[in-house]
């Protein structure tokens, strides 16, 4: 994470998320940048299905900025860290373990950011799907109200934190920083295991000002306030247009489905 973004790329990144160049790296600027990032960059796994590389270096920024794509936590959170560092913020990557059906997931299964400002330390996450829209203070045990729910960070004996959303445990953050290269082994598992959550269905999701829009396979789910709508898309052209209209993603074709061989390894190209 030592690479420095050049000023042209920083300007392009800010334009991608519709943000102005902050005057100073303070809590107010961080809040604005995170909110704009969350509302602009989708959580999506299409590269996993298309067989394209998942980058763990500074070129992940190019995918988000110039290709106008999103990604999973391994992509969008380190990418956002690059931007924040270029803007003068003090940023570290922290590993996390996700709660799945009451079971704590694998180490390094998720990655978040710890951002330090003059006003305190913050948990920043733009790549979880159920992450908060605003930074969460690491300096309080109180409930923190956010457009996406009520969050609470409970300190752990090792110095880490348990994150709750609407009283439900989401993930456990470890206190020791990591380098993005530490994620390579887990990324290999995410890309090759039939149990990988990224290989269960093609997924693209983006919060909106008053809800969320999600495409799971061929099912379009929309939430507007308390109302929820579901629509089945039968034609490839409908799916491609939905990616363009709701997520700004330009596709020539839908990535192929995945198949699993007898050994439980994932391979591309199933019909």
C-alpha atoms as a PDB file:
ATOM      1  CA  UNK A   1       0.000   0.000   0.000  1.00  0.00           C
ATOM      2  CA  UNK A   2       3.021   2.261  -0.342  1.00  0.00           C
ATOM      3  CA  UNK A   3       2.259   3.468  -3.864  1.00  0.00           C
ATOM      4  CA  UNK A   4       1.176   7.098  -4.100  1.00  0.00           C
ATOM      5  CA  UNK A   5      -1.585   8.077  -6.487  1.00  0.00           C
ATOM      6  CA  UNK A   6      -0.604  10.822  -8.886  1.00  0.00           C
ATOM      7  CA  UNK A   7      -2.654  14.051  -8.763  1.00  0.00           C
ATOM      8  CA  UNK A   8      -4.450  13.258 -12.034  1.00  0.00           C
ATOM      9  CA  UNK A   9      -5.654   9.907 -10.692  1.00  0.00           C
ATOM     10  CA  UNK A  10      -6.725  11.503  -7.406  1.00  0.00           C
ATOM     11  CA  UNK A  11      -8.789  14.068  -9.333  1.00  0.00           C
ATOM     12  CA  UNK A  12     -10.322  11.313 -11.468  1.00  0.00           C
ATOM     13  CA  UNK A  13     -11.161   9.260  -8.366  1.00  0.00           C
ATOM     14  CA  UNK A  14     -12.861  12.240  -6.710  1.00  0.00           C
ATOM     15  CA  UNK A  15     -14.829  12.856  -9.920  1.00  0.00           C
ATOM     16  CA  UNK A  16     -15.811   9.168 -10.011  1.00  0.00           C
ATOM     17  CA  UNK A  17     -17.518   9.479  -6.623  1.00  0.00           C
ATOM     18  CA  UNK A  18     -18.713  13.063  -7.099  1.00  0.00           C
ATOM     19  CA  UNK A  19     -16.561  14.540  -4.325  1.00  0.00           C
ATOM     20  CA  UNK A  20     -14.637  17.789  -4.074  1.00  0.00           C
ATOM     21  CA  UNK A  21     -11.011  17.890  -2.969  1.00  0.00           C
ATOM     22  CA  UNK A  22     -11.164  18.239   0.834  1.00  0.00           C
ATOM     23  CA  UNK A  23      -9.581  21.263   2.450  1.00  0.00           C
ATOM     24  CA  UNK A  24      -8.092  19.147   5.251  1.00  0.00           C
ATOM     25  CA  UNK A  25      -8.103  15.466   6.258  1.00  0.00           C
ATOM     26  CA  UNK A  26     -10.605  15.777   9.091  1.00  0.00           C
ATOM     27  CA  UNK A  27     -13.658  13.833  10.255  1.00  0.00           C
ATOM     28  CA  UNK A  28     -16.109  15.914   8.216  1.00  0.00           C
ATOM     29  CA  UNK A  29     -14.160  15.303   5.011  1.00  0.00           C
ATOM     30  CA  UNK A  30     -13.907  11.581   5.782  1.00  0.00           C
ATOM     31  CA  UNK A  31     -17.657  11.374   6.316  1.00  0.00           C
ATOM     32  CA  UNK A  32     -18.370  13.071   2.993  1.00  0.00           C
ATOM     33  CA  UNK A  33     -15.881  10.906   1.086  1.00  0.00           C
ATOM     34  CA  UNK A  34     -17.181   7.643   2.548  1.00  0.00           C
ATOM     35  CA  UNK A  35     -20.807   8.497   1.873  1.00  0.00           C
ATOM     36  CA  UNK A  36     -20.091   9.440  -1.732  1.00  0.00           C
ATOM     37  CA  UNK A  37     -18.003   6.303  -2.252  1.00  0.00           C
ATOM     38  CA  UNK A  38     -20.703   4.033  -0.820  1.00  0.00           C
ATOM     39  CA  UNK A  39     -23.371   5.613  -3.058  1.00  0.00           C
ATOM     40  CA  UNK A  40     -21.204   5.466  -6.197  1.00  0.00           C
ATOM     41  CA  UNK A  41     -19.142   2.252  -6.204  1.00  0.00           C
ATOM     42  CA  UNK A  42     -21.132  -1.014  -6.194  1.00  0.00           C
ATOM     43  CA  UNK A  43     -20.347  -4.180  -4.300  1.00  0.00           C
ATOM     44  CA  UNK A  44     -20.014  -6.723  -7.127  1.00  0.00           C
ATOM     45  CA  UNK A  45     -18.331 -10.020  -7.985  1.00  0.00           C
ATOM     46  CA  UNK A  46     -18.533 -10.181 -11.795  1.00  0.00           C
ATOM     47  CA  UNK A  47     -14.756 -10.435 -12.255  1.00  0.00           C
ATOM     48  CA  UNK A  48     -14.869 -13.697 -10.303  1.00  0.00           C
ATOM     49  CA  UNK A  49     -17.209 -15.159 -12.932  1.00  0.00           C
ATOM     50  CA  UNK A  50     -15.483 -13.585 -15.917  1.00  0.00           C
ATOM     51  CA  UNK A  51     -12.143 -15.107 -14.905  1.00  0.00           C
ATOM     52  CA  UNK A  52     -10.501 -11.694 -14.676  1.00  0.00           C
ATOM     53  CA  UNK A  53      -7.758 -10.946 -12.143  1.00  0.00           C
ATOM     54  CA  UNK A  54      -8.558  -9.515  -8.733  1.00  0.00           C
ATOM     55  CA  UNK A  55      -5.762  -7.014  -8.150  1.00  0.00           C
ATOM     56  CA  UNK A  56      -3.974  -6.611  -4.823  1.00  0.00           C
ATOM     57  CA  UNK A  57      -1.864  -3.607  -5.775  1.00  0.00           C
ATOM     58  CA  UNK A  58      -2.461   0.047  -6.636  1.00  0.00           C
ATOM     59  CA  UNK A  59      -3.927  -0.905 -10.041  1.00  0.00           C
ATOM     60  CA  UNK A  60      -7.172  -1.793  -8.282  1.00  0.00           C
ATOM     61  CA  UNK A  61      -7.808   1.952  -8.327  1.00  0.00           C
ATOM     62  CA  UNK A  62      -7.830   1.904 -12.142  1.00  0.00           C
ATOM     63  CA  UNK A  63     -10.645  -0.656 -12.176  1.00  0.00           C
ATOM     64  CA  UNK A  64     -12.842   1.507  -9.976  1.00  0.00           C
ATOM     65  CA  UNK A  65     -11.944   4.858 -11.516  1.00  0.00           C
ATOM     66  CA  UNK A  66     -11.331   4.270 -15.221  1.00  0.00           C
ATOM     67  CA  UNK A  67     -13.385   1.108 -15.764  1.00  0.00           C
ATOM     68  CA  UNK A  68     -16.130   2.529 -13.489  1.00  0.00           C
ATOM     69  CA  UNK A  69     -16.564  -0.795 -11.733  1.00  0.00           C
ATOM     70  CA  UNK A  70     -16.913  -1.934  -8.137  1.00  0.00           C
ATOM     71  CA  UNK A  71     -15.717  -5.063  -6.376  1.00  0.00           C
ATOM     72  CA  UNK A  72     -15.508  -6.928  -3.106  1.00  0.00           C
ATOM     73  CA  UNK A  73     -13.863  -5.776   0.109  1.00  0.00           C
ATOM     74  CA  UNK A  74     -10.371  -6.827  -1.044  1.00  0.00           C
ATOM     75  CA  UNK A  75     -10.689  -4.340  -3.894  1.00  0.00           C
ATOM     76  CA  UNK A  76     -12.770  -1.369  -2.825  1.00  0.00           C
ATOM     77  CA  UNK A  77     -11.462  -0.914   0.713  1.00  0.00           C
ATOM     78  CA  UNK A  78      -7.741  -0.924  -0.256  1.00  0.00           C
ATOM     79  CA  UNK A  79      -8.622   1.289  -3.225  1.00  0.00           C
ATOM     80  CA  UNK A  80     -10.352   3.780  -0.938  1.00  0.00           C
ATOM     81  CA  UNK A  81      -7.326   3.610   1.366  1.00  0.00           C
ATOM     82  CA  UNK A  82      -5.113   4.705  -1.530  1.00  0.00           C
ATOM     83  CA  UNK A  83      -7.346   7.715  -2.123  1.00  0.00           C
ATOM     84  CA  UNK A  84      -7.514   8.660   1.551  1.00  0.00           C
ATOM     85  CA  UNK A  85      -3.746   8.441   1.950  1.00  0.00           C
ATOM     86  CA  UNK A  86      -3.228  10.610  -1.116  1.00  0.00           C
ATOM     87  CA  UNK A  87      -5.512  13.180   0.539  1.00  0.00           C
ATOM     88  CA  UNK A  88      -3.459  13.200   3.744  1.00  0.00           C
ATOM     89  CA  UNK A  89      -5.375  10.744   5.937  1.00  0.00           C
ATOM     90  CA  UNK A  90      -3.659   8.275   8.287  1.00  0.00           C
ATOM     91  CA  UNK A  91      -5.005   4.872   7.165  1.00  0.00           C
ATOM     92  CA  UNK A  92      -4.358   1.241   8.139  1.00  0.00           C
ATOM     93  CA  UNK A  93      -5.837  -2.010   6.842  1.00  0.00           C
ATOM     94  CA  UNK A  94      -7.341  -4.222   9.549  1.00  0.00           C
ATOM     95  CA  UNK A  95      -8.385  -7.867   9.094  1.00  0.00           C
ATOM     96  CA  UNK A  96     -11.846  -9.043  10.118  1.00  0.00           C
ATOM     97  CA  UNK A  97     -13.776 -12.295  10.463  1.00  0.00           C
ATOM     98  CA  UNK A  98     -17.372 -12.314   9.265  1.00  0.00           C
ATOM     99  CA  UNK A  99     -20.244 -13.947  11.151  1.00  0.00           C
ATOM    100  CA  UNK A 100     -22.098 -16.297   8.781  1.00  0.00           C
ATOM    101  CA  UNK A 101     -25.174 -18.133  10.098  1.00  0.00           C
ATOM    102  CA  UNK A 102     -23.900 -17.844  13.659  1.00  0.00           C
ATOM    103  CA  UNK A 103     -20.412 -19.123  12.830  1.00  0.00           C
ATOM    104  CA  UNK A 104     -17.326 -16.929  12.796  1.00  0.00           C
ATOM    105  CA  UNK A 105     -15.685 -17.099   9.371  1.00  0.00           C
ATOM    106  CA  UNK A 106     -12.072 -17.540   8.369  1.00  0.00           C
ATOM    107  CA  UNK A 107      -9.294 -15.156   9.441  1.00  0.00           C
ATOM    108  CA  UNK A 108      -8.634 -12.442   6.853  1.00  0.00           C
ATOM    109  CA  UNK A 109     -12.074 -13.129   5.408  1.00  0.00           C
ATOM    110  CA  UNK A 110     -12.776  -9.407   5.357  1.00  0.00           C
ATOM    111  CA  UNK A 111     -10.679  -6.240   5.418  1.00  0.00           C
ATOM    112  CA  UNK A 112     -11.650  -2.801   6.753  1.00  0.00           C
ATOM    113  CA  UNK A 113      -9.916   0.514   7.331  1.00  0.00           C
ATOM    114  CA  UNK A 114      -8.903   2.281  10.507  1.00  0.00           C
ATOM    115  CA  UNK A 115      -8.602   5.995   9.827  1.00  0.00           C
ATOM    116  CA  UNK A 116      -7.116   8.382  12.369  1.00  0.00           C
ATOM    117  CA  UNK A 117      -8.070  12.056  12.387  1.00  0.00           C
ATOM    118  CA  UNK A 118      -7.661  14.841  14.921  1.00  0.00           C
ATOM    119  CA  UNK A 119     -11.201  14.074  16.106  1.00  0.00           C
ATOM    120  CA  UNK A 120     -10.501  10.389  16.837  1.00  0.00           C
ATOM    121  CA  UNK A 121     -10.204   6.936  15.273  1.00  0.00           C
ATOM    122  CA  UNK A 122     -12.768   5.624  12.790  1.00  0.00           C
ATOM    123  CA  UNK A 123     -13.847   2.312  11.323  1.00  0.00           C
ATOM    124  CA  UNK A 124     -14.345   2.821   7.594  1.00  0.00           C
ATOM    125  CA  UNK A 125     -15.841   0.113   5.380  1.00  0.00           C
ATOM    126  CA  UNK A 126     -17.071   0.670   1.819  1.00  0.00           C
ATOM    127  CA  UNK A 127     -16.957  -2.985   0.757  1.00  0.00           C
ATOM    128  CA  UNK A 128     -19.187  -5.185   2.888  1.00  0.00           C
ATOM    129  CA  UNK A 129     -22.639  -4.838   1.386  1.00  0.00           C
ATOM    130  CA  UNK A 130     -24.180  -4.077   4.790  1.00  0.00           C
ATOM    131  CA  UNK A 131     -21.605  -1.506   5.806  1.00  0.00           C
ATOM    132  CA  UNK A 132     -22.515   1.840   7.276  1.00  0.00           C
ATOM    133  CA  UNK A 133     -22.749   4.886   5.027  1.00  0.00           C
ATOM    134  CA  UNK A 134     -20.744   7.017   7.471  1.00  0.00           C
ATOM    135  CA  UNK A 135     -17.540   6.321   9.429  1.00  0.00           C
ATOM    136  CA  UNK A 136     -18.069   4.659  12.802  1.00  0.00           C
ATOM    137  CA  UNK A 137     -16.246   6.011  15.828  1.00  0.00           C
ATOM    138  CA  UNK A 138     -13.891   3.522  17.451  1.00  0.00           C
ATOM    139  CA  UNK A 139     -13.872   5.672  20.584  1.00  0.00           C
ATOM    140  CA  UNK A 140     -17.398   4.941  21.828  1.00  0.00           C
ATOM    141  CA  UNK A 141     -19.441   1.929  22.881  1.00  0.00           C
ATOM    142  CA  UNK A 142     -22.713   3.763  22.306  1.00  0.00           C
ATOM    143  CA  UNK A 143     -25.123   3.095  19.456  1.00  0.00           C
ATOM    144  CA  UNK A 144     -24.255   4.999  16.296  1.00  0.00           C
ATOM    145  CA  UNK A 145     -27.196   5.862  14.069  1.00  0.00           C
ATOM    146  CA  UNK A 146     -26.579   5.734  10.335  1.00  0.00           C
ATOM    147  CA  UNK A 147     -28.809   5.874   7.216  1.00  0.00           C
ATOM    148  CA  UNK A 148     -28.238   2.105   6.875  1.00  0.00           C
ATOM    149  CA  UNK A 149     -29.083   1.132  10.455  1.00  0.00           C
ATOM    150  CA  UNK A 150     -27.947   1.376  14.058  1.00  0.00           C
ATOM    151  CA  UNK A 151     -24.360   0.236  14.583  1.00  0.00           C
ATOM    152  CA  UNK A 152     -22.400  -0.504  17.713  1.00  0.00           C
ATOM    153  CA  UNK A 153     -18.734  -1.399  18.222  1.00  0.00           C
ATOM    154  CA  UNK A 154     -18.051  -3.559  21.271  1.00  0.00           C
ATOM    155  CA  UNK A 155     -14.382  -3.632  22.416  1.00  0.00           C
ATOM    156  CA  UNK A 156     -12.737  -7.057  22.742  1.00  0.00           C
ATOM    157  CA  UNK A 157     -10.013  -8.083  25.215  1.00  0.00           C
ATOM    158  CA  UNK A 158      -7.349  -8.256  22.484  1.00  0.00           C
ATOM    159  CA  UNK A 159      -7.957  -4.651  21.449  1.00  0.00           C
ATOM    160  CA  UNK A 160     -10.229  -5.523  18.535  1.00  0.00           C
ATOM    161  CA  UNK A 161     -13.933  -4.795  18.126  1.00  0.00           C
ATOM    162  CA  UNK A 162     -17.149  -6.674  17.419  1.00  0.00           C
ATOM    163  CA  UNK A 163     -19.404  -4.818  14.998  1.00  0.00           C
ATOM    164  CA  UNK A 164     -23.175  -5.043  15.459  1.00  0.00           C
ATOM    165  CA  UNK A 165     -25.824  -3.748  13.059  1.00  0.00           C
ATOM    166  CA  UNK A 166     -29.352  -3.509  14.446  1.00  0.00           C
ATOM    167  CA  UNK A 167     -28.192  -5.773  17.325  1.00  0.00           C
ATOM    168  CA  UNK A 168     -26.900  -8.494  14.937  1.00  0.00           C
ATOM    169  CA  UNK A 169     -23.169  -9.318  14.945  1.00  0.00           C
ATOM    170  CA  UNK A 170     -21.631  -8.559  11.531  1.00  0.00           C
ATOM    171  CA  UNK A 171     -17.902  -9.136  11.903  1.00  0.00           C
ATOM    172  CA  UNK A 172     -15.012  -9.120  14.337  1.00  0.00           C
ATOM    173  CA  UNK A 173     -12.206  -6.646  13.656  1.00  0.00           C
ATOM    174  CA  UNK A 174      -8.687  -7.537  14.765  1.00  0.00           C
ATOM    175  CA  UNK A 175      -6.458  -4.738  16.090  1.00  0.00           C
ATOM    176  CA  UNK A 176      -3.194  -5.510  14.258  1.00  0.00           C
ATOM    177  CA  UNK A 177      -2.740  -3.879  10.831  1.00  0.00           C
ATOM    178  CA  UNK A 178      -1.958  -5.989   7.785  1.00  0.00           C
ATOM    179  CA  UNK A 179      -0.544  -5.419   4.309  1.00  0.00           C
ATOM    180  CA  UNK A 180      -2.797  -5.998   1.327  1.00  0.00           C
ATOM    181  CA  UNK A 181      -0.437  -8.790   0.193  1.00  0.00           C
ATOM    182  CA  UNK A 182      -1.490 -10.770   3.277  1.00  0.00           C
ATOM    183  CA  UNK A 183      -4.849 -11.356   1.588  1.00  0.00           C
ATOM    184  CA  UNK A 184      -3.489 -13.470  -1.276  1.00  0.00           C
ATOM    185  CA  UNK A 185      -4.113 -16.905   0.269  1.00  0.00           C
ATOM    186  CA  UNK A 186      -7.692 -16.103   1.227  1.00  0.00           C
ATOM    187  CA  UNK A 187      -8.301 -14.528  -2.185  1.00  0.00           C
ATOM    188  CA  UNK A 188      -7.197 -17.814  -3.794  1.00  0.00           C
ATOM    189  CA  UNK A 189      -9.784 -19.649  -1.655  1.00  0.00           C
ATOM    190  CA  UNK A 190     -12.500 -17.128  -2.571  1.00  0.00           C
ATOM    191  CA  UNK A 191     -11.704 -17.666  -6.256  1.00  0.00           C
ATOM    192  CA  UNK A 192     -11.475 -21.475  -6.286  1.00  0.00           C
ATOM    193  CA  UNK A 193     -13.632 -22.992  -3.550  1.00  0.00           C
ATOM    194  CA  UNK A 194     -17.175 -24.124  -4.216  1.00  0.00           C
ATOM    195  CA  UNK A 195     -17.961 -22.831  -0.707  1.00  0.00           C
ATOM    196  CA  UNK A 196     -16.833 -19.307  -1.528  1.00  0.00           C
ATOM    197  CA  UNK A 197     -19.616 -16.759  -0.910  1.00  0.00           C
ATOM    198  CA  UNK A 198     -18.430 -14.901  -4.023  1.00  0.00           C
ATOM    199  CA  UNK A 199     -19.188 -17.914  -6.233  1.00  0.00           C
ATOM    200  CA  UNK A 200     -22.766 -18.668  -5.196  1.00  0.00           C
ATOM    201  CA  UNK A 201     -24.378 -16.198  -7.617  1.00  0.00           C
ATOM    202  CA  UNK A 202     -23.474 -13.174  -9.692  1.00  0.00           C
ATOM    203  CA  UNK A 203     -24.151 -10.173  -7.485  1.00  0.00           C
ATOM    204  CA  UNK A 204     -24.153  -6.412  -7.833  1.00  0.00           C
ATOM    205  CA  UNK A 205     -25.558  -4.112  -5.143  1.00  0.00           C
ATOM    206  CA  UNK A 206     -25.569  -0.373  -4.551  1.00  0.00           C
ATOM    207  CA  UNK A 207     -27.230   1.726  -1.845  1.00  0.00           C
ATOM    208  CA  UNK A 208     -29.316   4.682  -2.979  1.00  0.00           C
ATOM    209  CA  UNK A 209     -30.309   7.824  -1.111  1.00  0.00           C
ATOM    210  CA  UNK A 210     -33.536   6.163   0.059  1.00  0.00           C
ATOM    211  CA  UNK A 211     -32.932   2.442  -0.361  1.00  0.00           C
ATOM    212  CA  UNK A 212     -30.891  -0.055  -2.350  1.00  0.00           C
ATOM    213  CA  UNK A 213     -30.812  -1.743  -5.744  1.00  0.00           C
ATOM    214  CA  UNK A 214     -29.437  -5.276  -6.099  1.00  0.00           C
ATOM    215  CA  UNK A 215     -29.091  -7.675  -9.014  1.00  0.00           C
ATOM    216  CA  UNK A 216     -28.641 -11.328  -8.015  1.00  0.00           C
ATOM    217  CA  UNK A 217     -28.269 -13.454 -11.118  1.00  0.00           C
ATOM    218  CA  UNK A 218     -31.337 -12.463 -13.128  1.00  0.00           C
ATOM    219  CA  UNK A 219     -33.397 -11.150 -10.213  1.00  0.00           C
ATOM    220  CA  UNK A 220     -33.564  -7.394  -9.722  1.00  0.00           C
ATOM    221  CA  UNK A 221     -34.384  -6.312  -6.170  1.00  0.00           C
ATOM    222  CA  UNK A 222     -35.213  -2.705  -5.360  1.00  0.00           C
ATOM    223  CA  UNK A 223     -35.854  -1.104  -2.004  1.00  0.00           C
ATOM    224  CA  UNK A 224     -37.375   2.377  -1.828  1.00  0.00           C
ATOM    225  CA  UNK A 225     -37.982   3.391   1.764  1.00  0.00           C
ATOM    226  CA  UNK A 226     -40.051   0.614   3.328  1.00  0.00           C
ATOM    227  CA  UNK A 227     -41.224  -0.707  -0.068  1.00  0.00           C
ATOM    228  CA  UNK A 228     -39.541  -3.645  -1.786  1.00  0.00           C
ATOM    229  CA  UNK A 229     -39.872  -4.767  -5.391  1.00  0.00           C
ATOM    230  CA  UNK A 230     -38.648  -7.859  -7.238  1.00  0.00           C
ATOM    231  CA  UNK A 231     -38.413  -8.437 -10.982  1.00  0.00           C
ATOM    232  CA  UNK A 232     -37.205 -11.434 -12.992  1.00  0.00           C
ATOM    233  CA  UNK A 233     -35.112 -10.549 -16.055  1.00  0.00           C
ATOM    234  CA  UNK A 234     -35.447 -13.237 -18.704  1.00  0.00           C
ATOM    235  CA  UNK A 235     -33.374 -11.800 -21.544  1.00  0.00           C
ATOM    236  CA  UNK A 236     -29.636 -11.155 -21.547  1.00  0.00           C
ATOM    237  CA  UNK A 237     -30.318  -7.722 -23.017  1.00  0.00           C
ATOM    238  CA  UNK A 238     -32.439  -6.847 -19.967  1.00  0.00           C
ATOM    239  CA  UNK A 239     -29.648  -7.904 -17.611  1.00  0.00           C
ATOM    240  CA  UNK A 240     -27.025  -5.927 -19.526  1.00  0.00           C
ATOM    241  CA  UNK A 241     -29.253  -2.840 -19.575  1.00  0.00           C
ATOM    242  CA  UNK A 242     -29.899  -3.191 -15.831  1.00  0.00           C
ATOM    243  CA  UNK A 243     -26.163  -3.197 -15.118  1.00  0.00           C
ATOM    244  CA  UNK A 244     -25.843  -0.052 -17.214  1.00  0.00           C
ATOM    245  CA  UNK A 245     -28.874   1.787 -15.819  1.00  0.00           C
ATOM    246  CA  UNK A 246     -28.533   1.061 -12.117  1.00  0.00           C
ATOM    247  CA  UNK A 247     -24.802   0.500 -11.622  1.00  0.00           C
ATOM    248  CA  UNK A 248     -23.104   2.285 -14.516  1.00  0.00           C
ATOM    249  CA  UNK A 249     -21.449  -0.972 -15.584  1.00  0.00           C
ATOM    250  CA  UNK A 250     -21.004  -1.480 -19.330  1.00  0.00           C
ATOM    251  CA  UNK A 251     -21.016  -5.147 -20.380  1.00  0.00           C
ATOM    252  CA  UNK A 252     -20.833  -6.680 -23.847  1.00  0.00           C
ATOM    253  CA  UNK A 253     -22.124  -9.979 -22.475  1.00  0.00           C
ATOM    254  CA  UNK A 254     -23.056 -11.576 -19.171  1.00  0.00           C
ATOM    255  CA  UNK A 255     -20.178 -13.512 -17.565  1.00  0.00           C
ATOM    256  CA  UNK A 256     -20.608 -17.307 -17.776  1.00  0.00           C
ATOM    257  CA  UNK A 257     -21.954 -19.381 -14.926  1.00  0.00           C
ATOM    258  CA  UNK A 258     -19.575 -21.526 -12.899  1.00  0.00           C
ATOM    259  CA  UNK A 259     -19.284 -25.283 -12.652  1.00  0.00           C
ATOM    260  CA  UNK A 260     -17.738 -27.426  -9.937  1.00  0.00           C
ATOM    261  CA  UNK A 261     -15.709 -30.545 -10.686  1.00  0.00           C
ATOM    262  CA  UNK A 262     -15.744 -33.744  -8.664  1.00  0.00           C
ATOM    263  CA  UNK A 263     -13.034 -32.445  -6.352  1.00  0.00           C
ATOM    264  CA  UNK A 264     -15.082 -29.371  -5.463  1.00  0.00           C
ATOM    265  CA  UNK A 265     -12.935 -26.956  -7.444  1.00  0.00           C
ATOM    266  CA  UNK A 266     -14.571 -24.173  -9.403  1.00  0.00           C
ATOM    267  CA  UNK A 267     -14.094 -23.963 -13.145  1.00  0.00           C
ATOM    268  CA  UNK A 268     -15.494 -21.533 -15.691  1.00  0.00           C
ATOM    269  CA  UNK A 269     -17.648 -22.113 -18.703  1.00  0.00           C
ATOM    270  CA  UNK A 270     -20.746 -23.966 -17.517  1.00  0.00           C
ATOM    271  CA  UNK A 271     -23.862 -23.363 -19.566  1.00  0.00           C
END
